[in-house]
Amino acid sequence: NEQKRIHAENIRLQKEAMTDSLVKLPNRGALDIEGHKLF
């Protein structure tokens, strides 16, 4: 259960790190990752 909680928290933090705090859209870092995948 603790591992699941930590995993969920890590996902949340990763998403937060890749999201612009003001407009709630992906930020430049997320663009770099997702952009290269799509390209």
PDB file of all heavy atoms in Angstrom:
ATOM      1  N   ASN A   1       0.829  -1.208   0.000  1.00  0.00           N
ATOM      2  CA  ASN A   1       0.000   0.000   0.000  1.00  0.00           C
ATOM      3  C   ASN A   1       0.863   1.256   0.000  1.00  0.00           C
ATOM      4  O   ASN A   1       0.552   2.245  -0.677  1.00  0.00           O
ATOM      5  CB  ASN A   1      -0.939   0.006   1.206  1.00  0.00           C
ATOM      6  CG  ASN A   1      -2.059  -1.002   1.071  1.00  0.00           C
ATOM      7  OD1 ASN A   1      -2.406  -1.411  -0.042  1.00  0.00           O
ATOM      8  ND2 ASN A   1      -2.620  -1.433   2.174  1.00  0.00           N
ATOM      9  N   GLU A   2       1.962   1.202   0.787  1.00  0.00           N
ATOM     10  CA  GLU A   2       2.872   2.343   0.835  1.00  0.00           C
ATOM     11  C   GLU A   2       3.554   2.531  -0.515  1.00  0.00           C
ATOM     12  O   GLU A   2       3.743   3.663  -0.983  1.00  0.00           O
ATOM     13  CB  GLU A   2       3.907   2.125   1.941  1.00  0.00           C
ATOM     14  CG  GLU A   2       4.932   3.252   2.094  1.00  0.00           C
ATOM     15  CD  GLU A   2       4.318   4.582   2.516  1.00  0.00           C
ATOM     16  OE1 GLU A   2       3.122   4.624   2.886  1.00  0.00           O
ATOM     17  OE2 GLU A   2       5.041   5.593   2.459  1.00  0.00           O
ATOM     18  N   GLN A   3       3.921   1.417  -1.146  1.00  0.00           N
ATOM     19  CA  GLN A   3       4.533   1.500  -2.476  1.00  0.00           C
ATOM     20  C   GLN A   3       3.569   2.112  -3.486  1.00  0.00           C
ATOM     21  O   GLN A   3       3.963   2.919  -4.334  1.00  0.00           O
ATOM     22  CB  GLN A   3       4.984   0.110  -2.936  1.00  0.00           C
ATOM     23  CG  GLN A   3       6.209  -0.408  -2.209  1.00  0.00           C
ATOM     24  CD  GLN A   3       6.530  -1.848  -2.555  1.00  0.00           C
ATOM     25  OE1 GLN A   3       5.661  -2.606  -2.996  1.00  0.00           O
ATOM     26  NE2 GLN A   3       7.771  -2.240  -2.350  1.00  0.00           N
ATOM     27  N   LYS A   4       2.283   1.717  -3.390  1.00  0.00           N
ATOM     28  CA  LYS A   4       1.276   2.283  -4.284  1.00  0.00           C
ATOM     29  C   LYS A   4       1.123   3.780  -4.049  1.00  0.00           C
ATOM     30  O   LYS A   4       0.992   4.566  -4.989  1.00  0.00           O
ATOM     31  CB  LYS A   4      -0.071   1.580  -4.076  1.00  0.00           C
ATOM     32  CG  LYS A   4      -0.138   0.168  -4.634  1.00  0.00           C
ATOM     33  CD  LYS A   4      -1.487  -0.470  -4.335  1.00  0.00           C
ATOM     34  CE  LYS A   4      -1.543  -1.906  -4.830  1.00  0.00           C
ATOM     35  NZ  LYS A   4      -2.824  -2.554  -4.469  1.00  0.00           N
ATOM     36  N   ARG A   5       1.143   4.172  -2.753  1.00  0.00           N
ATOM     37  CA  ARG A   5       1.000   5.588  -2.429  1.00  0.00           C
ATOM     38  C   ARG A   5       2.183   6.390  -2.979  1.00  0.00           C
ATOM     39  O   ARG A   5       2.007   7.457  -3.582  1.00  0.00           O
ATOM     40  CB  ARG A   5       0.919   5.768  -0.909  1.00  0.00           C
ATOM     41  CG  ARG A   5       0.611   7.203  -0.467  1.00  0.00           C
ATOM     42  CD  ARG A   5       0.879   7.416   0.995  1.00  0.00           C
ATOM     43  NE  ARG A   5       2.295   7.316   1.310  1.00  0.00           N
ATOM     44  CZ  ARG A   5       3.192   8.267   1.031  1.00  0.00           C
ATOM     45  NH1 ARG A   5       2.812   9.377   0.432  1.00  0.00           N
ATOM     46  NH2 ARG A   5       4.448   8.097   1.370  1.00  0.00           N
ATOM     47  N   ILE A   6       3.391   5.838  -2.798  1.00  0.00           N
ATOM     48  CA  ILE A   6       4.590   6.510  -3.282  1.00  0.00           C
ATOM     49  C   ILE A   6       4.563   6.602  -4.804  1.00  0.00           C
ATOM     50  O   ILE A   6       4.923   7.635  -5.384  1.00  0.00           O
ATOM     51  CB  ILE A   6       5.856   5.763  -2.801  1.00  0.00           C
ATOM     52  CG1 ILE A   6       5.995   5.911  -1.278  1.00  0.00           C
ATOM     53  CG2 ILE A   6       7.107   6.289  -3.509  1.00  0.00           C
ATOM     54  CD1 ILE A   6       7.058   5.032  -0.669  1.00  0.00           C
ATOM     55  N   HIS A   7       4.124   5.504  -5.447  1.00  0.00           N
ATOM     56  CA  HIS A   7       4.034   5.498  -6.909  1.00  0.00           C
ATOM     57  C   HIS A   7       3.058   6.563  -7.397  1.00  0.00           C
ATOM     58  O   HIS A   7       3.364   7.312  -8.344  1.00  0.00           O
ATOM     59  CB  HIS A   7       3.593   4.118  -7.393  1.00  0.00           C
ATOM     60  CG  HIS A   7       3.473   3.993  -8.880  1.00  0.00           C
ATOM     61  ND1 HIS A   7       4.566   4.081  -9.725  1.00  0.00           N
ATOM     62  CD2 HIS A   7       2.388   3.816  -9.688  1.00  0.00           C
ATOM     63  CE1 HIS A   7       4.169   3.969 -10.976  1.00  0.00           C
ATOM     64  NE2 HIS A   7       2.856   3.803 -10.986  1.00  0.00           N
ATOM     65  N   ALA A   8       1.895   6.637  -6.742  1.00  0.00           N
ATOM     66  CA  ALA A   8       0.889   7.637  -7.124  1.00  0.00           C
ATOM     67  C   ALA A   8       1.426   9.050  -6.904  1.00  0.00           C
ATOM     68  O   ALA A   8       1.210   9.953  -7.723  1.00  0.00           O
ATOM     69  CB  ALA A   8      -0.395   7.421  -6.323  1.00  0.00           C
ATOM     70  N   GLU A   9       2.158   9.236  -5.786  1.00  0.00           N
ATOM     71  CA  GLU A   9       2.732  10.548  -5.487  1.00  0.00           C
ATOM     72  C   GLU A   9       3.806  10.920  -6.509  1.00  0.00           C
ATOM     73  O   GLU A   9       3.892  12.081  -6.936  1.00  0.00           O
ATOM     74  CB  GLU A   9       3.323  10.527  -4.069  1.00  0.00           C
ATOM     75  CG  GLU A   9       3.973  11.829  -3.622  1.00  0.00           C
ATOM     76  CD  GLU A   9       2.995  12.996  -3.477  1.00  0.00           C
ATOM     77  OE1 GLU A   9       1.761  12.776  -3.566  1.00  0.00           O
ATOM     78  OE2 GLU A   9       3.473  14.126  -3.290  1.00  0.00           O
ATOM     79  N   ASN A  10       4.604   9.929  -6.909  1.00  0.00           N
ATOM     80  CA  ASN A  10       5.630  10.183  -7.930  1.00  0.00           C
ATOM     81  C   ASN A  10       5.006  10.599  -9.257  1.00  0.00           C
ATOM     82  O   ASN A  10       5.501  11.508  -9.929  1.00  0.00           O
ATOM     83  CB  ASN A  10       6.499   8.936  -8.133  1.00  0.00           C
ATOM     84  CG  ASN A  10       7.479   8.727  -7.004  1.00  0.00           C
ATOM     85  OD1 ASN A  10       7.804   9.674  -6.283  1.00  0.00           O
ATOM     86  ND2 ASN A  10       7.951   7.504  -6.832  1.00  0.00           N
ATOM     87  N   ILE A  11       3.909   9.916  -9.615  1.00  0.00           N
ATOM     88  CA  ILE A  11       3.207  10.276 -10.852  1.00  0.00           C
ATOM     89  C   ILE A  11       2.671  11.702 -10.752  1.00  0.00           C
ATOM     90  O   ILE A  11       2.780  12.490 -11.694  1.00  0.00           O
ATOM     91  CB  ILE A  11       2.066   9.283 -11.137  1.00  0.00           C
ATOM     92  CG1 ILE A  11       2.644   7.909 -11.532  1.00  0.00           C
ATOM     93  CG2 ILE A  11       1.156   9.793 -12.239  1.00  0.00           C
ATOM     94  CD1 ILE A  11       1.615   6.825 -11.670  1.00  0.00           C
ATOM     95  N   ARG A  12       2.100  12.020  -9.571  1.00  0.00           N
ATOM     96  CA  ARG A  12       1.557  13.368  -9.366  1.00  0.00           C
ATOM     97  C   ARG A  12       2.661  14.422  -9.481  1.00  0.00           C
ATOM     98  O   ARG A  12       2.495  15.453 -10.147  1.00  0.00           O
ATOM     99  CB  ARG A  12       0.900  13.472  -7.994  1.00  0.00           C
ATOM    100  CG  ARG A  12       0.166  14.801  -7.758  1.00  0.00           C
ATOM    101  CD  ARG A  12      -0.270  14.962  -6.315  1.00  0.00           C
ATOM    102  NE  ARG A  12       0.850  15.114  -5.420  1.00  0.00           N
ATOM    103  CZ  ARG A  12       1.524  16.253  -5.257  1.00  0.00           C
ATOM    104  NH1 ARG A  12       1.194  17.335  -5.955  1.00  0.00           N
ATOM    105  NH2 ARG A  12       2.525  16.326  -4.403  1.00  0.00           N
ATOM    106  N   LEU A  13       3.804  14.145  -8.845  1.00  0.00           N
ATOM    107  CA  LEU A  13       4.912  15.096  -8.870  1.00  0.00           C
ATOM    108  C   LEU A  13       5.491  15.244 -10.282  1.00  0.00           C
ATOM    109  O   LEU A  13       5.858  16.344 -10.699  1.00  0.00           O
ATOM    110  CB  LEU A  13       6.009  14.645  -7.898  1.00  0.00           C
ATOM    111  CG  LEU A  13       5.653  14.764  -6.415  1.00  0.00           C
ATOM    112  CD1 LEU A  13       6.724  14.120  -5.555  1.00  0.00           C
ATOM    113  CD2 LEU A  13       5.445  16.222  -6.006  1.00  0.00           C
ATOM    114  N   GLN A  14       5.578  14.099 -10.998  1.00  0.00           N
ATOM    115  CA  GLN A  14       6.070  14.152 -12.380  1.00  0.00           C
ATOM    116  C   GLN A  14       5.143  14.988 -13.250  1.00  0.00           C
ATOM    117  O   GLN A  14       5.596  15.816 -14.060  1.00  0.00           O
ATOM    118  CB  GLN A  14       6.181  12.737 -12.948  1.00  0.00           C
ATOM    119  CG  GLN A  14       7.365  11.946 -12.404  1.00  0.00           C
ATOM    120  CD  GLN A  14       7.351  10.503 -12.855  1.00  0.00           C
ATOM    121  OE1 GLN A  14       6.486  10.095 -13.629  1.00  0.00           O
ATOM    122  NE2 GLN A  14       8.290   9.724 -12.381  1.00  0.00           N
ATOM    123  N   LYS A  15       3.839  14.772 -13.053  1.00  0.00           N
ATOM    124  CA  LYS A  15       2.856  15.541 -13.827  1.00  0.00           C
ATOM    125  C   LYS A  15       2.938  17.019 -13.464  1.00  0.00           C
ATOM    126  O   LYS A  15       2.867  17.894 -14.339  1.00  0.00           O
ATOM    127  CB  LYS A  15       1.443  14.999 -13.556  1.00  0.00           C
ATOM    128  CG  LYS A  15       0.383  15.611 -14.446  1.00  0.00           C
ATOM    129  CD  LYS A  15      -0.971  14.951 -14.227  1.00  0.00           C
ATOM    130  CE  LYS A  15      -2.025  15.570 -15.130  1.00  0.00           C
ATOM    131  NZ  LYS A  15      -3.356  14.963 -14.939  1.00  0.00           N
ATOM    132  N   GLU A  16       3.096  17.276 -12.167  1.00  0.00           N
ATOM    133  CA  GLU A  16       3.192  18.655 -11.697  1.00  0.00           C
ATOM    134  C   GLU A  16       4.436  19.335 -12.273  1.00  0.00           C
ATOM    135  O   GLU A  16       4.402  20.506 -12.660  1.00  0.00           O
ATOM    136  CB  GLU A  16       3.253  18.662 -10.164  1.00  0.00           C
ATOM    137  CG  GLU A  16       3.120  20.032  -9.545  1.00  0.00           C
ATOM    138  CD  GLU A  16       3.061  19.947  -8.031  1.00  0.00           C
ATOM    139  OE1 GLU A  16       1.971  19.673  -7.493  1.00  0.00           O
ATOM    140  OE2 GLU A  16       4.118  20.136  -7.396  1.00  0.00           O
ATOM    141  N   ALA A  17       5.538  18.586 -12.320  1.00  0.00           N
ATOM    142  CA  ALA A  17       6.784  19.137 -12.848  1.00  0.00           C
ATOM    143  C   ALA A  17       6.688  19.437 -14.335  1.00  0.00           C
ATOM    144  O   ALA A  17       7.435  20.263 -14.859  1.00  0.00           O
ATOM    145  CB  ALA A  17       7.930  18.162 -12.591  1.00  0.00           C
ATOM    146  N   MET A  18       5.775  18.758 -15.024  1.00  0.00           N
ATOM    147  CA  MET A  18       5.607  18.938 -16.469  1.00  0.00           C
ATOM    148  C   MET A  18       4.403  19.812 -16.805  1.00  0.00           C
ATOM    149  O   MET A  18       3.997  19.883 -17.959  1.00  0.00           O
ATOM    150  CB  MET A  18       5.444  17.563 -17.143  1.00  0.00           C
ATOM    151  CG  MET A  18       6.692  16.717 -17.095  1.00  0.00           C
ATOM    152  SD  MET A  18       8.019  17.440 -18.061  1.00  0.00           S
ATOM    153  CE  MET A  18       9.397  16.407 -17.587  1.00  0.00           C
ATOM    154  N   THR A  19       3.824  20.477 -15.796  1.00  0.00           N
ATOM    155  CA  THR A  19       2.625  21.301 -16.016  1.00  0.00           C
ATOM    156  C   THR A  19       2.888  22.738 -15.601  1.00  0.00           C
ATOM    157  O   THR A  19       3.476  22.986 -14.532  1.00  0.00           O
ATOM    158  CB  THR A  19       1.438  20.738 -15.210  1.00  0.00           C
ATOM    159  OG1 THR A  19       1.214  19.376 -15.597  1.00  0.00           O
ATOM    160  CG2 THR A  19       0.171  21.542 -15.459  1.00  0.00           C
ATOM    161  N   ASP A  20       2.473  23.681 -16.422  1.00  0.00           N
ATOM    162  CA  ASP A  20       2.593  25.095 -16.071  1.00  0.00           C
ATOM    163  C   ASP A  20       1.625  25.404 -14.938  1.00  0.00           C
ATOM    164  O   ASP A  20       0.415  25.116 -15.036  1.00  0.00           O
ATOM    165  CB  ASP A  20       2.272  25.963 -17.293  1.00  0.00           C
ATOM    166  CG  ASP A  20       2.485  27.430 -17.017  1.00  0.00           C
ATOM    167  OD1 ASP A  20       1.524  28.074 -16.559  1.00  0.00           O
ATOM    168  OD2 ASP A  20       3.605  27.927 -17.244  1.00  0.00           O
ATOM    169  N   SER A  21       2.134  25.976 -13.854  1.00  0.00           N
ATOM    170  CA  SER A  21       1.313  26.172 -12.649  1.00  0.00           C
ATOM    171  C   SER A  21       0.209  27.205 -12.845  1.00  0.00           C
ATOM    172  O   SER A  21      -0.820  27.159 -12.167  1.00  0.00           O
ATOM    173  CB  SER A  21       2.200  26.590 -11.474  1.00  0.00           C
ATOM    174  OG  SER A  21       2.895  27.793 -11.784  1.00  0.00           O
ATOM    175  N   LEU A  22       0.401  28.151 -13.790  1.00  0.00           N
ATOM    176  CA  LEU A  22      -0.611  29.194 -13.998  1.00  0.00           C
ATOM    177  C   LEU A  22      -1.740  28.717 -14.892  1.00  0.00           C
ATOM    178  O   LEU A  22      -2.913  28.762 -14.511  1.00  0.00           O
ATOM    179  CB  LEU A  22       0.040  30.450 -14.589  1.00  0.00           C
ATOM    180  CG  LEU A  22      -0.921  31.588 -14.943  1.00  0.00           C
ATOM    181  CD1 LEU A  22      -1.582  32.139 -13.685  1.00  0.00           C
ATOM    182  CD2 LEU A  22      -0.179  32.710 -15.701  1.00  0.00           C
ATOM    183  N   VAL A  23      -1.419  28.253 -16.096  1.00  0.00           N
ATOM    184  CA  VAL A  23      -2.460  27.958 -17.082  1.00  0.00           C
ATOM    185  C   VAL A  23      -2.877  26.476 -17.088  1.00  0.00           C
ATOM    186  O   VAL A  23      -3.810  26.098 -17.806  1.00  0.00           O
ATOM    187  CB  VAL A  23      -2.014  28.378 -18.500  1.00  0.00           C
ATOM    188  CG1 VAL A  23      -1.726  29.870 -18.545  1.00  0.00           C
ATOM    189  CG2 VAL A  23      -0.810  27.570 -18.960  1.00  0.00           C
ATOM    190  N   LYS A  24      -2.172  25.637 -16.297  1.00  0.00           N
ATOM    191  CA  LYS A  24      -2.502  24.203 -16.172  1.00  0.00           C
ATOM    192  C   LYS A  24      -2.435  23.464 -17.511  1.00  0.00           C
ATOM    193  O   LYS A  24      -3.240  22.575 -17.798  1.00  0.00           O
ATOM    194  CB  LYS A  24      -3.889  23.996 -15.542  1.00  0.00           C
ATOM    195  CG  LYS A  24      -4.105  24.713 -14.222  1.00  0.00           C
ATOM    196  CD  LYS A  24      -3.086  24.337 -13.179  1.00  0.00           C
ATOM    197  CE  LYS A  24      -3.297  25.092 -11.870  1.00  0.00           C
ATOM    198  NZ  LYS A  24      -2.193  24.879 -10.910  1.00  0.00           N
ATOM    199  N   LEU A  25      -1.475  23.873 -18.338  1.00  0.00           N
ATOM    200  CA  LEU A  25      -1.171  23.162 -19.581  1.00  0.00           C
ATOM    201  C   LEU A  25       0.254  22.606 -19.478  1.00  0.00           C
ATOM    202  O   LEU A  25       1.049  23.081 -18.654  1.00  0.00           O
ATOM    203  CB  LEU A  25      -1.256  24.116 -20.779  1.00  0.00           C
ATOM    204  CG  LEU A  25      -2.646  24.484 -21.301  1.00  0.00           C
ATOM    205  CD1 LEU A  25      -2.530  25.577 -22.349  1.00  0.00           C
ATOM    206  CD2 LEU A  25      -3.354  23.259 -21.893  1.00  0.00           C
ATOM    207  N   PRO A  26       0.599  21.594 -20.293  1.00  0.00           N
ATOM    208  CA  PRO A  26       1.978  21.104 -20.300  1.00  0.00           C
ATOM    209  C   PRO A  26       2.971  22.250 -20.524  1.00  0.00           C
ATOM    210  O   PRO A  26       2.681  23.196 -21.263  1.00  0.00           O
ATOM    211  CB  PRO A  26       2.004  20.112 -21.467  1.00  0.00           C
ATOM    212  CG  PRO A  26       0.597  19.624 -21.573  1.00  0.00           C
ATOM    213  CD  PRO A  26      -0.261  20.802 -21.214  1.00  0.00           C
ATOM    214  N   ASN A  27       4.134  22.164 -19.859  1.00  0.00           N
ATOM    215  CA  ASN A  27       5.135  23.216 -19.978  1.00  0.00           C
ATOM    216  C   ASN A  27       6.196  22.882 -21.028  1.00  0.00           C
ATOM    217  O   ASN A  27       6.053  21.918 -21.773  1.00  0.00           O
ATOM    218  CB  ASN A  27       5.767  23.512 -18.622  1.00  0.00           C
ATOM    219  CG  ASN A  27       6.471  22.285 -18.039  1.00  0.00           C
ATOM    220  OD1 ASN A  27       6.791  21.329 -18.752  1.00  0.00           O
ATOM    221  ND2 ASN A  27       6.702  22.313 -16.736  1.00  0.00           N
ATOM    222  N   ARG A  28       7.259  23.678 -21.054  1.00  0.00           N
ATOM    223  CA  ARG A  28       8.317  23.510 -22.063  1.00  0.00           C
ATOM    224  C   ARG A  28       8.978  22.124 -21.951  1.00  0.00           C
ATOM    225  O   ARG A  28       9.323  21.512 -22.956  1.00  0.00           O
ATOM    226  CB  ARG A  28       9.349  24.628 -21.872  1.00  0.00           C
ATOM    227  CG  ARG A  28      10.467  24.657 -22.894  1.00  0.00           C
ATOM    228  CD  ARG A  28       9.985  25.228 -24.217  1.00  0.00           C
ATOM    229  NE  ARG A  28      11.098  25.439 -25.134  1.00  0.00           N
ATOM    230  CZ  ARG A  28      11.726  26.596 -25.304  1.00  0.00           C
ATOM    231  NH1 ARG A  28      11.342  27.677 -24.622  1.00  0.00           N
ATOM    232  NH2 ARG A  28      12.706  26.714 -26.163  1.00  0.00           N
ATOM    233  N   GLY A  29       9.175  21.655 -20.713  1.00  0.00           N
ATOM    234  CA  GLY A  29       9.774  20.325 -20.522  1.00  0.00           C
ATOM    235  C   GLY A  29       8.915  19.228 -21.110  1.00  0.00           C
ATOM    236  O   GLY A  29       9.415  18.296 -21.754  1.00  0.00           O
ATOM    237  N   ALA A  30       7.591  19.329 -20.884  1.00  0.00           N
ATOM    238  CA  ALA A  30       6.666  18.330 -21.427  1.00  0.00           C
ATOM    239  C   ALA A  30       6.647  18.399 -22.952  1.00  0.00           C
ATOM    240  O   ALA A  30       6.557  17.369 -23.631  1.00  0.00           O
ATOM    241  CB  ALA A  30       5.264  18.560 -20.868  1.00  0.00           C
ATOM    242  N   LEU A  31       6.740  19.620 -23.486  1.00  0.00           N
ATOM    243  CA  LEU A  31       6.787  19.792 -24.943  1.00  0.00           C
ATOM    244  C   LEU A  31       8.003  19.081 -25.523  1.00  0.00           C
ATOM    245  O   LEU A  31       7.905  18.412 -26.560  1.00  0.00           O
ATOM    246  CB  LEU A  31       6.832  21.289 -25.284  1.00  0.00           C
ATOM    247  CG  LEU A  31       7.123  21.641 -26.745  1.00  0.00           C
ATOM    248  CD1 LEU A  31       5.995  21.165 -27.654  1.00  0.00           C
ATOM    249  CD2 LEU A  31       7.345  23.149 -26.910  1.00  0.00           C
ATOM    250  N   ASP A  32       9.116  19.212 -24.857  1.00  0.00           N
ATOM    251  CA  ASP A  32      10.349  18.574 -25.321  1.00  0.00           C
ATOM    252  C   ASP A  32      10.185  17.059 -25.397  1.00  0.00           C
ATOM    253  O   ASP A  32      10.554  16.422 -26.389  1.00  0.00           O
ATOM    254  CB  ASP A  32      11.494  18.947 -24.378  1.00  0.00           C
ATOM    255  CG  ASP A  32      12.843  18.510 -24.915  1.00  0.00           C
ATOM    256  OD1 ASP A  32      13.005  18.490 -26.146  1.00  0.00           O
ATOM    257  OD2 ASP A  32      13.717  18.176 -24.102  1.00  0.00           O
ATOM    258  N   ILE A  33       9.596  16.463 -24.357  1.00  0.00           N
ATOM    259  CA  ILE A  33       9.443  15.000 -24.297  1.00  0.00           C
ATOM    260  C   ILE A  33       8.389  14.511 -25.285  1.00  0.00           C
ATOM    261  O   ILE A  33       8.644  13.647 -26.131  1.00  0.00           O
ATOM    262  CB  ILE A  33       9.080  14.563 -22.860  1.00  0.00           C
ATOM    263  CG1 ILE A  33      10.248  14.851 -21.911  1.00  0.00           C
ATOM    264  CG2 ILE A  33       8.708  13.071 -22.818  1.00  0.00           C
ATOM    265  CD1 ILE A  33       9.920  14.689 -20.456  1.00  0.00           C
ATOM    266  N   GLU A  34       7.175  15.085 -25.176  1.00  0.00           N
ATOM    267  CA  GLU A  34       6.062  14.619 -26.011  1.00  0.00           C
ATOM    268  C   GLU A  34       6.276  14.989 -27.474  1.00  0.00           C
ATOM    269  O   GLU A  34       5.923  14.229 -28.382  1.00  0.00           O
ATOM    270  CB  GLU A  34       4.744  15.210 -25.497  1.00  0.00           C
ATOM    271  CG  GLU A  34       3.495  14.614 -26.107  1.00  0.00           C
ATOM    272  CD  GLU A  34       3.336  13.127 -25.805  1.00  0.00           C
ATOM    273  OE1 GLU A  34       3.840  12.684 -24.755  1.00  0.00           O
ATOM    274  OE2 GLU A  34       2.705  12.418 -26.625  1.00  0.00           O
ATOM    275  N   GLY A  35       6.887  16.162 -27.688  1.00  0.00           N
ATOM    276  CA  GLY A  35       7.132  16.613 -29.053  1.00  0.00           C
ATOM    277  C   GLY A  35       8.037  15.666 -29.824  1.00  0.00           C
ATOM    278  O   GLY A  35       7.754  15.326 -30.978  1.00  0.00           O
ATOM    279  N   HIS A  36       9.109  15.222 -29.187  1.00  0.00           N
ATOM    280  CA  HIS A  36      10.025  14.299 -29.861  1.00  0.00           C
ATOM    281  C   HIS A  36       9.365  12.947 -30.133  1.00  0.00           C
ATOM    282  O   HIS A  36       9.629  12.312 -31.159  1.00  0.00           O
ATOM    283  CB  HIS A  36      11.303  14.124 -29.041  1.00  0.00           C
ATOM    284  CG  HIS A  36      12.263  15.263 -29.198  1.00  0.00           C
ATOM    285  ND1 HIS A  36      12.309  16.319 -28.320  1.00  0.00           N
ATOM    286  CD2 HIS A  36      13.187  15.523 -30.165  1.00  0.00           C
ATOM    287  CE1 HIS A  36      13.236  17.176 -28.726  1.00  0.00           C
ATOM    288  NE2 HIS A  36      13.785  16.730 -29.844  1.00  0.00           N
ATOM    289  N   LYS A  37       8.499  12.516 -29.208  1.00  0.00           N
ATOM    290  CA  LYS A  37       7.764  11.249 -29.427  1.00  0.00           C
ATOM    291  C   LYS A  37       6.878  11.350 -30.663  1.00  0.00           C
ATOM    292  O   LYS A  37       6.878  10.470 -31.535  1.00  0.00           O
ATOM    293  CB  LYS A  37       6.903  10.916 -28.201  1.00  0.00           C
ATOM    294  CG  LYS A  37       7.657  10.378 -27.005  1.00  0.00           C
ATOM    295  CD  LYS A  37       6.661  10.055 -25.910  1.00  0.00           C
ATOM    296  CE  LYS A  37       7.356   9.657 -24.620  1.00  0.00           C
ATOM    297  NZ  LYS A  37       6.382   9.448 -23.530  1.00  0.00           N
ATOM    298  N   LEU A  38       6.075  12.436 -30.722  1.00  0.00           N
ATOM    299  CA  LEU A  38       5.145  12.613 -31.849  1.00  0.00           C
ATOM    300  C   LEU A  38       5.897  12.823 -33.164  1.00  0.00           C
ATOM    301  O   LEU A  38       5.496  12.302 -34.212  1.00  0.00           O
ATOM    302  CB  LEU A  38       4.215  13.795 -31.574  1.00  0.00           C
ATOM    303  CG  LEU A  38       3.127  13.582 -30.522  1.00  0.00           C
ATOM    304  CD1 LEU A  38       2.408  14.888 -30.227  1.00  0.00           C
ATOM    305  CD2 LEU A  38       2.137  12.517 -30.968  1.00  0.00           C
ATOM    306  N   PHE A  39       7.001  13.580 -33.094  1.00  0.00           N
ATOM    307  CA  PHE A  39       7.771  13.848 -34.307  1.00  0.00           C
ATOM    308  C   PHE A  39       8.383  12.545 -34.848  1.00  0.00           C
ATOM    309  O   PHE A  39       8.354  12.289 -36.054  1.00  0.00           O
ATOM    310  CB  PHE A  39       8.871  14.873 -34.019  1.00  0.00           C
ATOM    311  CG  PHE A  39       9.516  15.417 -35.257  1.00  0.00           C
ATOM    312  CD1 PHE A  39       8.911  16.440 -35.975  1.00  0.00           C
ATOM    313  CD2 PHE A  39      10.718  14.897 -35.724  1.00  0.00           C
ATOM    314  CE1 PHE A  39       9.494  16.945 -37.133  1.00  0.00           C
ATOM    315  CE2 PHE A  39      11.309  15.390 -36.874  1.00  0.00           C
ATOM    316  CZ  PHE A  39      10.695  16.418 -37.584  1.00  0.00           C
TER     317      PHE A  39
END
